[in-house]
């Protein structure tokens, strides 16, 4: 998988309700709900615009200096893998060439 070419975006129908320790995502089309932690909430905010795994990992590494880029990449990929479909949409990066 090319972590630069594939970009992900929050599904626009999904609502996000903040909780004390993260947030709850709800998809009214599928009636599915998932609880995300504060790190997931940060990623969700990023995903309001198309993001690659590499971009998300870089932001996690900036926000959490004790987390290696490798771990941040794994975490971002796991977040996407868990939410892709009902909560996230996938697309290719725009190619200007």
Protein backbone atom coordinates (compact mmCIF):
# COMPACT_ATOMS: atom_id res chain seq x y z
CA UNK A 1 0.00 0.00 0.00
CA UNK A 2 1.28 3.44 -0.93
CA UNK A 3 0.90 5.55 2.19
CA UNK A 4 1.33 8.76 0.17
CA UNK A 5 -1.12 8.16 -2.71
CA UNK A 6 -4.13 6.90 -0.75
CA UNK A 7 -5.94 9.60 1.15
CA UNK A 8 -8.75 9.21 3.63
CA UNK A 9 -11.58 11.52 4.59
CA UNK A 10 -14.22 11.50 7.30
CA UNK A 11 -17.56 10.32 5.98
CA UNK A 12 -19.66 13.52 5.89
CA UNK A 13 -22.78 11.83 7.31
CA UNK A 14 -20.96 10.77 10.48
CA UNK A 15 -21.53 12.89 13.56
CA UNK A 16 -18.92 13.29 16.28
CA UNK A 17 -19.93 13.86 19.87
CA UNK A 18 -17.17 14.85 22.27
CA UNK A 19 -16.81 12.89 25.49
CA UNK A 20 -14.51 13.40 28.45
CA UNK A 21 -11.99 10.86 27.17
CA UNK A 22 -12.39 11.15 23.40
CA UNK A 23 -15.51 11.10 21.27
CA UNK A 24 -18.33 8.98 19.90
CA UNK A 25 -18.76 8.68 16.14
CA UNK A 26 -22.22 7.83 14.83
CA UNK A 27 -23.20 6.94 11.28
CA UNK A 28 -26.98 7.43 10.87
CA UNK A 29 -26.99 5.60 7.52
CA UNK A 30 -25.75 2.34 9.05
CA UNK A 31 -26.79 2.98 12.68
CA UNK A 32 -23.20 2.16 13.69
CA UNK A 33 -21.38 3.84 16.54
CA UNK A 34 -17.76 3.72 17.72
CA UNK A 35 -15.94 5.28 20.66
CA UNK A 36 -12.57 6.86 19.94
CA UNK A 37 -9.90 7.97 22.40
CA UNK A 38 -8.28 11.45 22.46
CA UNK A 39 -5.69 10.36 19.89
CA UNK A 40 -8.48 9.11 17.65
CA UNK A 41 -10.24 12.46 18.16
CA UNK A 42 -7.12 14.25 16.91
CA UNK A 43 -7.04 12.01 13.83
CA UNK A 44 -10.77 12.55 13.26
CA UNK A 45 -10.21 16.31 13.24
CA UNK A 46 -7.42 15.89 10.69
CA UNK A 47 -9.67 13.75 8.51
CA UNK A 48 -12.05 16.62 7.88
CA UNK A 49 -9.72 17.18 4.92
CA UNK A 50 -8.14 14.34 2.89
CA UNK A 51 -5.10 12.89 4.67
CA UNK A 52 -2.59 10.15 3.89
CA UNK A 53 -1.35 7.73 6.54
CA UNK A 54 2.04 9.47 6.36
CA UNK A 55 0.46 12.88 7.00
CA UNK A 56 -1.53 11.59 9.95
CA UNK A 57 1.54 9.86 11.39
CA UNK A 58 3.60 13.03 11.07
CA UNK A 59 0.97 14.99 13.02
CA UNK A 60 0.83 12.30 15.72
CA UNK A 61 4.61 12.42 16.06
CA UNK A 62 4.49 16.22 16.38
CA UNK A 63 1.72 16.11 18.96
CA UNK A 64 3.18 13.21 20.96
CA UNK A 65 7.00 13.61 20.91
CA UNK A 66 7.52 10.33 22.82
CA UNK A 67 5.89 8.38 19.98
CA UNK A 68 8.19 7.30 17.15
CA UNK A 69 7.18 7.95 13.56
CA UNK A 70 7.05 4.19 13.03
CA UNK A 71 4.60 3.73 15.93
CA UNK A 72 2.56 6.74 14.81
CA UNK A 73 2.32 5.23 11.32
CA UNK A 74 1.09 1.93 12.78
CA UNK A 75 -1.43 3.77 14.94
CA UNK A 76 -2.75 5.85 12.05
CA UNK A 77 -3.05 2.75 9.87
CA UNK A 78 -4.91 0.87 12.63
CA UNK A 79 -7.32 3.81 13.06
CA UNK A 80 -8.04 3.88 9.32
CA UNK A 81 -8.39 0.09 9.12
CA UNK A 82 -10.93 0.11 11.94
CA UNK A 83 -13.07 2.96 10.57
CA UNK A 84 -12.79 2.57 6.80
CA UNK A 85 -16.16 1.92 5.23
CA UNK A 86 -18.82 3.20 7.61
CA UNK A 87 -16.88 6.12 9.07
CA UNK A 88 -14.08 6.95 6.59
CA UNK A 89 -13.93 7.22 2.83
CA UNK A 90 -10.93 6.39 0.65
CA UNK A 91 -9.65 8.10 -2.46
CA UNK A 92 -6.51 8.76 -4.43
CA UNK A 93 -4.43 11.90 -4.12
CA UNK A 94 -4.92 14.46 -6.83
CA UNK A 95 -2.32 13.99 -9.54
CA UNK A 96 -1.31 17.27 -11.10
CA UNK A 97 1.04 15.71 -13.64
